[in-house]
Amino acid sequence: MKFKNKKILIPFHILVFILKSQFTYTSSLNIILLVISALTLFFLSNFNIARKFIFILLISLLSILVYNYSSPLTKFKVFQAQEAIAKIIEGDVTMVPKSPRVRVLEFMISFNNLKEENIIVVLVGKGFGSYIDDNRTQYFKKFKTPLNDDDYSKEEVDSLKFKKGHGGIPYIPIKMGIFGMILFVSIFTTGLTLIKNKEFSWLAIGAPFYIVTTFSFGLKNFIFVGILVGIILALRFRNKQLIS
């Protein structure tokens, strides 16, 4: 909030993402969500046609730059993301590369688990500490996805009960139900709409980078960071009202 020129944060975020892609890796889900975020920001922004054209050009050039300087694992994840989207659209889950397929199946199992419960559980989920349970669905077996210790712990593989799956998105349904899904989408979309406000457009651009690159670490860090961001913005608005 203390940066006078907020625009400097945009290249800073891009630089951090390039370093992340080069020295670690970016998952298939990260890539898909980044593309969705960029498209959403593009359509929500108040830029004129000329600026939107420049936006598309810059995104294209930056994508090539990031890809060229990415680690082999990131490039593999880009390929997986392309393959996963194509195969999911075709409706053939078994042909999706294994890593994204596991995440898709976790999401499917979560919803199936909820369908077996009463309406209250469907709406609010089973809460923290619940499992993604494949014992009845047998989706990993049905969709030819053998599991090993690299996918989950041996205990989870043997019991077919998975504590949280791979990343936050697949376990939002089982933990927080339909309301949780609606809440997450609403918060994410609301954050992106800040692009229309010149004063907070930097936050709209920065938030998606943070969310999609760290969401795999779970919901608790987002609750914590979300509270801090909320306090900062509330104080900012309060100070403005006091000044006026």
C-alpha atoms as a PDB file:
ATOM      1  CA  MET A   1       0.000   0.000   0.000  1.00  0.00           C
ATOM      2  CA  LYS A   2       2.973   2.339   0.576  1.00  0.00           C
ATOM      3  CA  PHE A   3       4.233   2.055  -3.011  1.00  0.00           C
ATOM      4  CA  LYS A   4       3.469   5.373  -4.714  1.00  0.00           C
ATOM      5  CA  ASN A   5       3.806   3.854  -8.178  1.00  0.00           C
ATOM      6  CA  LYS A   6       1.788   0.640  -8.031  1.00  0.00           C
ATOM      7  CA  LYS A   7       2.589  -0.214 -11.666  1.00  0.00           C
ATOM      8  CA  ILE A   8       6.069  -1.335 -10.596  1.00  0.00           C
ATOM      9  CA  LEU A   9       4.397  -4.299  -8.869  1.00  0.00           C
ATOM     10  CA  ILE A  10       3.293  -5.751 -12.217  1.00  0.00           C
ATOM     11  CA  PRO A  11       6.804  -6.432 -13.615  1.00  0.00           C
ATOM     12  CA  PHE A  12       7.803  -7.547 -10.103  1.00  0.00           C
ATOM     13  CA  HIS A  13       5.099 -10.260 -10.130  1.00  0.00           C
ATOM     14  CA  ILE A  14       6.106 -11.301 -13.643  1.00  0.00           C
ATOM     15  CA  LEU A  15       9.779 -11.534 -12.598  1.00  0.00           C
ATOM     16  CA  VAL A  16       8.907 -13.682  -9.587  1.00  0.00           C
ATOM     17  CA  PHE A  17       6.809 -15.976 -11.786  1.00  0.00           C
ATOM     18  CA  ILE A  18       9.657 -16.318 -14.300  1.00  0.00           C
ATOM     19  CA  LEU A  19      12.058 -17.246 -11.486  1.00  0.00           C
ATOM     20  CA  LYS A  20       9.546 -19.740 -10.114  1.00  0.00           C
ATOM     21  CA  SER A  21       9.113 -21.334 -13.550  1.00  0.00           C
ATOM     22  CA  GLN A  22      12.862 -21.471 -14.160  1.00  0.00           C
ATOM     23  CA  PHE A  23      14.175 -22.703 -10.831  1.00  0.00           C
ATOM     24  CA  THR A  24      11.237 -24.732  -9.517  1.00  0.00           C
ATOM     25  CA  TYR A  25       8.166 -25.536 -11.610  1.00  0.00           C
ATOM     26  CA  THR A  26       4.604 -24.416 -12.302  1.00  0.00           C
ATOM     27  CA  SER A  27       1.876 -27.052 -12.119  1.00  0.00           C
ATOM     28  CA  SER A  28      -0.641 -27.740 -14.880  1.00  0.00           C
ATOM     29  CA  LEU A  29      -3.427 -26.320 -12.704  1.00  0.00           C
ATOM     30  CA  ASN A  30      -1.404 -23.136 -12.057  1.00  0.00           C
ATOM     31  CA  ILE A  31      -1.034 -22.618 -15.810  1.00  0.00           C
ATOM     32  CA  ILE A  32      -4.726 -23.207 -16.522  1.00  0.00           C
ATOM     33  CA  LEU A  33      -5.810 -20.811 -13.764  1.00  0.00           C
ATOM     34  CA  LEU A  34      -3.343 -18.142 -14.888  1.00  0.00           C
ATOM     35  CA  VAL A  35      -4.803 -18.261 -18.397  1.00  0.00           C
ATOM     36  CA  ILE A  36      -8.337 -17.989 -16.968  1.00  0.00           C
ATOM     37  CA  SER A  37      -7.252 -15.052 -14.774  1.00  0.00           C
ATOM     38  CA  ALA A  38      -5.622 -13.220 -17.701  1.00  0.00           C
ATOM     39  CA  LEU A  39      -8.737 -13.677 -19.866  1.00  0.00           C
ATOM     40  CA  THR A  40     -11.029 -12.514 -17.061  1.00  0.00           C
ATOM     41  CA  LEU A  41      -8.908  -9.413 -16.366  1.00  0.00           C
ATOM     42  CA  PHE A  42      -8.889  -8.676 -20.111  1.00  0.00           C
ATOM     43  CA  PHE A  43     -12.697  -8.660 -20.373  1.00  0.00           C
ATOM     44  CA  LEU A  44     -13.288  -6.870 -17.054  1.00  0.00           C
ATOM     45  CA  SER A  45     -10.800  -4.048 -17.642  1.00  0.00           C
ATOM     46  CA  ASN A  46     -11.883  -0.627 -18.875  1.00  0.00           C
ATOM     47  CA  PHE A  47      -9.008  -0.396 -21.358  1.00  0.00           C
ATOM     48  CA  ASN A  48      -9.736   0.875 -24.850  1.00  0.00           C
ATOM     49  CA  ILE A  49      -9.188  -1.337 -27.915  1.00  0.00           C
ATOM     50  CA  ALA A  50      -5.619  -0.078 -28.465  1.00  0.00           C
ATOM     51  CA  ARG A  51      -4.594  -0.891 -24.878  1.00  0.00           C
ATOM     52  CA  LYS A  52      -6.273  -4.303 -25.057  1.00  0.00           C
ATOM     53  CA  PHE A  53      -4.335  -5.049 -28.236  1.00  0.00           C
ATOM     54  CA  ILE A  54      -1.103  -4.083 -26.458  1.00  0.00           C
ATOM     55  CA  PHE A  55      -2.207  -6.282 -23.514  1.00  0.00           C
ATOM     56  CA  ILE A  56      -2.627  -9.316 -25.805  1.00  0.00           C
ATOM     57  CA  LEU A  57       0.718  -8.622 -27.480  1.00  0.00           C
ATOM     58  CA  LEU A  58       2.560  -8.313 -24.149  1.00  0.00           C
ATOM     59  CA  ILE A  59       0.942 -11.447 -22.704  1.00  0.00           C
ATOM     60  CA  SER A  60       1.910 -13.399 -25.840  1.00  0.00           C
ATOM     61  CA  LEU A  61       5.523 -12.186 -25.771  1.00  0.00           C
ATOM     62  CA  LEU A  62       5.817 -12.766 -22.021  1.00  0.00           C
ATOM     63  CA  SER A  63       4.384 -16.276 -22.382  1.00  0.00           C
ATOM     64  CA  ILE A  64       7.063 -17.124 -24.951  1.00  0.00           C
ATOM     65  CA  LEU A  65       9.747 -15.562 -22.731  1.00  0.00           C
ATOM     66  CA  VAL A  66       8.609 -17.450 -19.617  1.00  0.00           C
ATOM     67  CA  TYR A  67       8.357 -20.728 -21.524  1.00  0.00           C
ATOM     68  CA  ASN A  68      11.840 -20.382 -23.052  1.00  0.00           C
ATOM     69  CA  TYR A  69      13.414 -19.708 -19.665  1.00  0.00           C
ATOM     70  CA  SER A  70      11.367 -22.336 -17.821  1.00  0.00           C
ATOM     71  CA  SER A  71      12.730 -25.521 -16.309  1.00  0.00           C
ATOM     72  CA  PRO A  72      12.159 -28.812 -18.189  1.00  0.00           C
ATOM     73  CA  LEU A  73       9.541 -29.746 -15.558  1.00  0.00           C
ATOM     74  CA  THR A  74       7.572 -26.536 -16.166  1.00  0.00           C
ATOM     75  CA  LYS A  75       7.644 -27.178 -19.927  1.00  0.00           C
ATOM     76  CA  PHE A  76       6.381 -30.695 -19.260  1.00  0.00           C
ATOM     77  CA  LYS A  77       3.560 -29.253 -17.119  1.00  0.00           C
ATOM     78  CA  VAL A  78       2.606 -26.872 -19.947  1.00  0.00           C
ATOM     79  CA  PHE A  79       2.351 -29.872 -22.251  1.00  0.00           C
ATOM     80  CA  GLN A  80       0.282 -31.730 -19.642  1.00  0.00           C
ATOM     81  CA  ALA A  81      -2.090 -28.773 -19.284  1.00  0.00           C
ATOM     82  CA  GLN A  82      -2.671 -28.684 -23.058  1.00  0.00           C
ATOM     83  CA  GLU A  83      -3.234 -32.432 -23.181  1.00  0.00           C
ATOM     84  CA  ALA A  84      -5.508 -32.402 -20.120  1.00  0.00           C
ATOM     85  CA  ILE A  85      -7.813 -29.679 -21.479  1.00  0.00           C
ATOM     86  CA  ALA A  86      -8.093 -31.375 -24.874  1.00  0.00           C
ATOM     87  CA  LYS A  87      -8.896 -34.797 -23.403  1.00  0.00           C
ATOM     88  CA  ILE A  88     -11.363 -33.461 -20.814  1.00  0.00           C
ATOM     89  CA  ILE A  89     -13.236 -31.626 -23.585  1.00  0.00           C
ATOM     90  CA  GLU A  90     -13.340 -34.912 -25.517  1.00  0.00           C
ATOM     91  CA  GLY A  91     -14.791 -36.560 -22.394  1.00  0.00           C
ATOM     92  CA  ASP A  92     -12.111 -39.241 -22.125  1.00  0.00           C
ATOM     93  CA  VAL A  93     -10.636 -38.893 -18.620  1.00  0.00           C
ATOM     94  CA  THR A  94      -8.477 -42.016 -18.992  1.00  0.00           C
ATOM     95  CA  MET A  95      -6.420 -40.300 -21.703  1.00  0.00           C
ATOM     96  CA  VAL A  96      -5.570 -37.284 -19.516  1.00  0.00           C
ATOM     97  CA  PRO A  97      -1.904 -37.384 -18.363  1.00  0.00           C
ATOM     98  CA  LYS A  98      -1.639 -39.006 -14.939  1.00  0.00           C
ATOM     99  CA  SER A  99      -0.761 -35.958 -12.817  1.00  0.00           C
ATOM    100  CA  PRO A 100      -3.752 -33.793 -13.868  1.00  0.00           C
ATOM    101  CA  ARG A 101      -5.934 -36.925 -14.110  1.00  0.00           C
ATOM    102  CA  VAL A 102      -5.386 -37.620 -10.391  1.00  0.00           C
ATOM    103  CA  ARG A 103      -6.614 -34.091  -9.603  1.00  0.00           C
ATOM    104  CA  VAL A 104      -9.663 -34.441 -11.859  1.00  0.00           C
ATOM    105  CA  LEU A 105     -10.565 -37.756 -10.217  1.00  0.00           C
ATOM    106  CA  GLU A 106     -10.156 -36.266  -6.722  1.00  0.00           C
ATOM    107  CA  PHE A 107     -12.683 -33.594  -7.686  1.00  0.00           C
ATOM    108  CA  MET A 108     -15.085 -36.221  -9.070  1.00  0.00           C
ATOM    109  CA  ILE A 109     -14.725 -38.425  -5.986  1.00  0.00           C
ATOM    110  CA  SER A 110     -15.348 -35.441  -3.684  1.00  0.00           C
ATOM    111  CA  PHE A 111     -18.660 -34.666  -5.386  1.00  0.00           C
ATOM    112  CA  ASN A 112     -19.644 -38.335  -5.392  1.00  0.00           C
ATOM    113  CA  ASN A 113     -18.909 -38.552  -1.660  1.00  0.00           C
ATOM    114  CA  LEU A 114     -21.176 -35.558  -1.051  1.00  0.00           C
ATOM    115  CA  LYS A 115     -24.016 -37.089  -3.073  1.00  0.00           C
ATOM    116  CA  GLU A 116     -24.121 -39.959  -0.572  1.00  0.00           C
ATOM    117  CA  GLU A 117     -24.825 -37.560   2.331  1.00  0.00           C
ATOM    118  CA  ASN A 118     -27.807 -35.447   3.405  1.00  0.00           C
ATOM    119  CA  ILE A 119     -28.563 -32.023   1.953  1.00  0.00           C
ATOM    120  CA  ILE A 120     -26.816 -30.140   4.787  1.00  0.00           C
ATOM    121  CA  VAL A 121     -23.515 -31.952   4.172  1.00  0.00           C
ATOM    122  CA  VAL A 122     -23.890 -31.383   0.419  1.00  0.00           C
ATOM    123  CA  LEU A 123     -24.198 -27.647   1.074  1.00  0.00           C
ATOM    124  CA  VAL A 124     -21.510 -27.135   3.752  1.00  0.00           C
ATOM    125  CA  GLY A 125     -19.255 -30.189   3.293  1.00  0.00           C
ATOM    126  CA  LYS A 126     -17.847 -32.600   5.863  1.00  0.00           C
ATOM    127  CA  GLY A 127     -15.463 -30.072   7.390  1.00  0.00           C
ATOM    128  CA  PHE A 128     -11.718 -30.086   7.984  1.00  0.00           C
ATOM    129  CA  GLY A 129     -10.397 -33.526   8.906  1.00  0.00           C
ATOM    130  CA  SER A 130     -12.651 -35.350   6.423  1.00  0.00           C
ATOM    131  CA  TYR A 131     -11.317 -37.579   3.642  1.00  0.00           C
ATOM    132  CA  ILE A 132     -11.718 -37.997  -0.103  1.00  0.00           C
ATOM    133  CA  ASP A 133     -12.947 -41.609   0.009  1.00  0.00           C
ATOM    134  CA  ASP A 134     -12.592 -43.800  -3.113  1.00  0.00           C
ATOM    135  CA  ASN A 135     -13.733 -47.073  -1.501  1.00  0.00           C
ATOM    136  CA  ARG A 136     -17.220 -46.987  -3.013  1.00  0.00           C
ATOM    137  CA  THR A 137     -16.510 -45.060  -6.183  1.00  0.00           C
ATOM    138  CA  GLN A 138     -13.330 -46.958  -7.133  1.00  0.00           C
ATOM    139  CA  TYR A 139     -12.629 -44.185  -9.649  1.00  0.00           C
ATOM    140  CA  PHE A 140      -8.855 -44.610  -9.615  1.00  0.00           C
ATOM    141  CA  LYS A 141      -9.334 -48.241 -10.616  1.00  0.00           C
ATOM    142  CA  LYS A 142     -12.171 -47.500 -13.044  1.00  0.00           C
ATOM    143  CA  PHE A 143     -10.158 -44.823 -14.871  1.00  0.00           C
ATOM    144  CA  LYS A 144      -6.967 -46.916 -14.916  1.00  0.00           C
ATOM    145  CA  THR A 145      -4.929 -44.752 -12.557  1.00  0.00           C
ATOM    146  CA  PRO A 146      -2.561 -46.885 -10.461  1.00  0.00           C
ATOM    147  CA  LEU A 147      -1.393 -45.131  -7.299  1.00  0.00           C
ATOM    148  CA  ASN A 148       1.959 -45.344  -5.535  1.00  0.00           C
ATOM    149  CA  ASP A 149       3.855 -43.622  -2.729  1.00  0.00           C
ATOM    150  CA  ASP A 150       4.646 -40.684  -5.025  1.00  0.00           C
ATOM    151  CA  ASP A 151       0.934 -39.889  -5.289  1.00  0.00           C
ATOM    152  CA  TYR A 152      -0.056 -40.311  -1.632  1.00  0.00           C
ATOM    153  CA  SER A 153       1.257 -41.877   1.549  1.00  0.00           C
ATOM    154  CA  LYS A 154       1.216 -45.685   1.695  1.00  0.00           C
ATOM    155  CA  GLU A 155      -1.494 -45.526   4.355  1.00  0.00           C
ATOM    156  CA  GLU A 156      -3.726 -43.440   2.088  1.00  0.00           C
ATOM    157  CA  VAL A 157      -3.129 -45.673  -0.943  1.00  0.00           C
ATOM    158  CA  ASP A 158      -3.957 -48.808   1.087  1.00  0.00           C
ATOM    159  CA  SER A 159      -7.103 -47.350   2.654  1.00  0.00           C
ATOM    160  CA  LEU A 160      -8.214 -45.343  -0.437  1.00  0.00           C
ATOM    161  CA  LYS A 161      -8.907 -42.437   1.930  1.00  0.00           C
ATOM    162  CA  PHE A 162      -7.038 -39.256   1.055  1.00  0.00           C
ATOM    163  CA  LYS A 163      -6.569 -36.428   3.537  1.00  0.00           C
ATOM    164  CA  LYS A 164      -6.608 -33.464   1.178  1.00  0.00           C
ATOM    165  CA  GLY A 165      -5.615 -34.583  -2.285  1.00  0.00           C
ATOM    166  CA  HIS A 166      -3.368 -32.575  -4.536  1.00  0.00           C
ATOM    167  CA  GLY A 167      -3.947 -28.904  -3.881  1.00  0.00           C
ATOM    168  CA  GLY A 168      -6.884 -27.005  -2.476  1.00  0.00           C
ATOM    169  CA  ILE A 169      -9.382 -27.022  -5.324  1.00  0.00           C
ATOM    170  CA  PRO A 170     -10.061 -30.803  -5.406  1.00  0.00           C
ATOM    171  CA  TYR A 171     -10.906 -30.895  -1.713  1.00  0.00           C
ATOM    172  CA  ILE A 172     -13.067 -27.749  -1.434  1.00  0.00           C
ATOM    173  CA  PRO A 173     -16.236 -29.785  -2.237  1.00  0.00           C
ATOM    174  CA  ILE A 174     -15.598 -32.458   0.416  1.00  0.00           C
ATOM    175  CA  LYS A 175     -14.413 -29.984   3.066  1.00  0.00           C
ATOM    176  CA  MET A 176     -16.722 -27.009   2.401  1.00  0.00           C
ATOM    177  CA  GLY A 177     -19.490 -28.302   0.108  1.00  0.00           C
ATOM    178  CA  ILE A 178     -21.398 -26.360  -2.542  1.00  0.00           C
ATOM    179  CA  PHE A 179     -21.362 -23.181  -0.419  1.00  0.00           C
ATOM    180  CA  GLY A 180     -17.571 -23.427  -0.208  1.00  0.00           C
ATOM    181  CA  MET A 181     -17.275 -23.655  -3.975  1.00  0.00           C
ATOM    182  CA  ILE A 182     -19.594 -20.657  -4.450  1.00  0.00           C
ATOM    183  CA  LEU A 183     -17.695 -18.693  -1.790  1.00  0.00           C
ATOM    184  CA  PHE A 184     -14.300 -19.383  -3.374  1.00  0.00           C
ATOM    185  CA  VAL A 185     -15.471 -18.468  -6.900  1.00  0.00           C
ATOM    186  CA  SER A 186     -17.199 -15.323  -5.567  1.00  0.00           C
ATOM    187  CA  ILE A 187     -14.109 -14.106  -3.690  1.00  0.00           C
ATOM    188  CA  PHE A 188     -11.840 -14.864  -6.638  1.00  0.00           C
ATOM    189  CA  THR A 189     -14.157 -13.120  -9.127  1.00  0.00           C
ATOM    190  CA  THR A 190     -14.685 -10.129  -6.828  1.00  0.00           C
ATOM    191  CA  GLY A 191     -10.918  -9.762  -6.506  1.00  0.00           C
ATOM    192  CA  LEU A 192     -10.552  -9.693 -10.283  1.00  0.00           C
ATOM    193  CA  THR A 193     -13.249  -7.019 -10.657  1.00  0.00           C
ATOM    194  CA  LEU A 194     -10.955  -4.605  -8.791  1.00  0.00           C
ATOM    195  CA  ILE A 195      -9.271  -4.095 -12.187  1.00  0.00           C
ATOM    196  CA  LYS A 196     -12.047  -1.537 -12.840  1.00  0.00           C
ATOM    197  CA  ASN A 197     -10.879   0.561  -9.896  1.00  0.00           C
ATOM    198  CA  LYS A 198      -7.677   2.447 -10.768  1.00  0.00           C
ATOM    199  CA  GLU A 199      -6.618   2.697  -7.131  1.00  0.00           C
ATOM    200  CA  PHE A 200      -6.820  -1.050  -6.550  1.00  0.00           C
ATOM    201  CA  SER A 201      -6.082  -2.411 -10.039  1.00  0.00           C
ATOM    202  CA  TRP A 202      -2.620  -3.453  -8.779  1.00  0.00           C
ATOM    203  CA  LEU A 203      -4.323  -5.747  -6.258  1.00  0.00           C
ATOM    204  CA  ALA A 204      -6.516  -7.279  -8.978  1.00  0.00           C
ATOM    205  CA  ILE A 205      -3.420  -8.100 -11.036  1.00  0.00           C
ATOM    206  CA  GLY A 206      -1.324  -9.298  -8.084  1.00  0.00           C
ATOM    207  CA  ALA A 207      -3.946 -11.453  -6.338  1.00  0.00           C
ATOM    208  CA  PRO A 208      -4.403 -14.053  -9.126  1.00  0.00           C
ATOM    209  CA  PHE A 209      -0.644 -14.612  -9.293  1.00  0.00           C
ATOM    210  CA  TYR A 210      -0.573 -15.260  -5.568  1.00  0.00           C
ATOM    211  CA  ILE A 211      -3.684 -17.444  -5.500  1.00  0.00           C
ATOM    212  CA  VAL A 212      -2.945 -19.704  -8.452  1.00  0.00           C
ATOM    213  CA  THR A 213       0.734 -20.237  -7.602  1.00  0.00           C
ATOM    214  CA  THR A 214       0.299 -21.078  -3.904  1.00  0.00           C
ATOM    215  CA  PHE A 215      -3.203 -22.559  -3.638  1.00  0.00           C
ATOM    216  CA  SER A 216      -1.786 -26.070  -3.479  1.00  0.00           C
ATOM    217  CA  PHE A 217      -0.578 -25.335   0.045  1.00  0.00           C
ATOM    218  CA  GLY A 218      -4.152 -25.322   1.358  1.00  0.00           C
ATOM    219  CA  LEU A 219      -6.896 -23.002   2.535  1.00  0.00           C
ATOM    220  CA  LYS A 220      -5.516 -21.943   5.901  1.00  0.00           C
ATOM    221  CA  ASN A 221      -2.829 -19.673   4.454  1.00  0.00           C
ATOM    222  CA  PHE A 222      -5.490 -17.934   2.350  1.00  0.00           C
ATOM    223  CA  ILE A 223      -7.708 -17.368   5.372  1.00  0.00           C
ATOM    224  CA  PHE A 224      -4.729 -15.803   7.179  1.00  0.00           C
ATOM    225  CA  VAL A 225      -3.555 -13.658   4.243  1.00  0.00           C
ATOM    226  CA  GLY A 226      -7.148 -12.753   3.382  1.00  0.00           C
ATOM    227  CA  ILE A 227      -7.721 -11.379   6.896  1.00  0.00           C
ATOM    228  CA  LEU A 228      -4.547  -9.276   6.639  1.00  0.00           C
ATOM    229  CA  VAL A 229      -5.501  -7.872   3.225  1.00  0.00           C
ATOM    230  CA  GLY A 230      -9.013  -7.165   4.518  1.00  0.00           C
ATOM    231  CA  ILE A 231      -7.649  -5.242   7.518  1.00  0.00           C
ATOM    232  CA  ILE A 232      -5.313  -3.188   5.294  1.00  0.00           C
ATOM    233  CA  LEU A 233      -8.108  -2.256   2.875  1.00  0.00           C
ATOM    234  CA  ALA A 234     -10.551  -1.511   5.712  1.00  0.00           C
ATOM    235  CA  LEU A 235      -8.041   0.838   7.343  1.00  0.00           C
ATOM    236  CA  ARG A 236      -7.382   2.499   3.985  1.00  0.00           C
ATOM    237  CA  PHE A 237     -11.081   3.207   3.440  1.00  0.00           C
ATOM    238  CA  ARG A 238     -11.498   4.314   7.053  1.00  0.00           C
ATOM    239  CA  ASN A 239      -8.603   6.772   6.774  1.00  0.00           C
ATOM    240  CA  LYS A 240     -10.073   8.175   3.567  1.00  0.00           C
ATOM    241  CA  GLN A 241     -13.409   8.763   5.280  1.00  0.00           C
ATOM    242  CA  LEU A 242     -11.693  10.479   8.228  1.00  0.00           C
ATOM    243  CA  ILE A 243      -9.754  12.767   5.853  1.00  0.00           C
ATOM    244  CA  SER A 244     -12.843  13.661   3.853  1.00  0.00           C
END
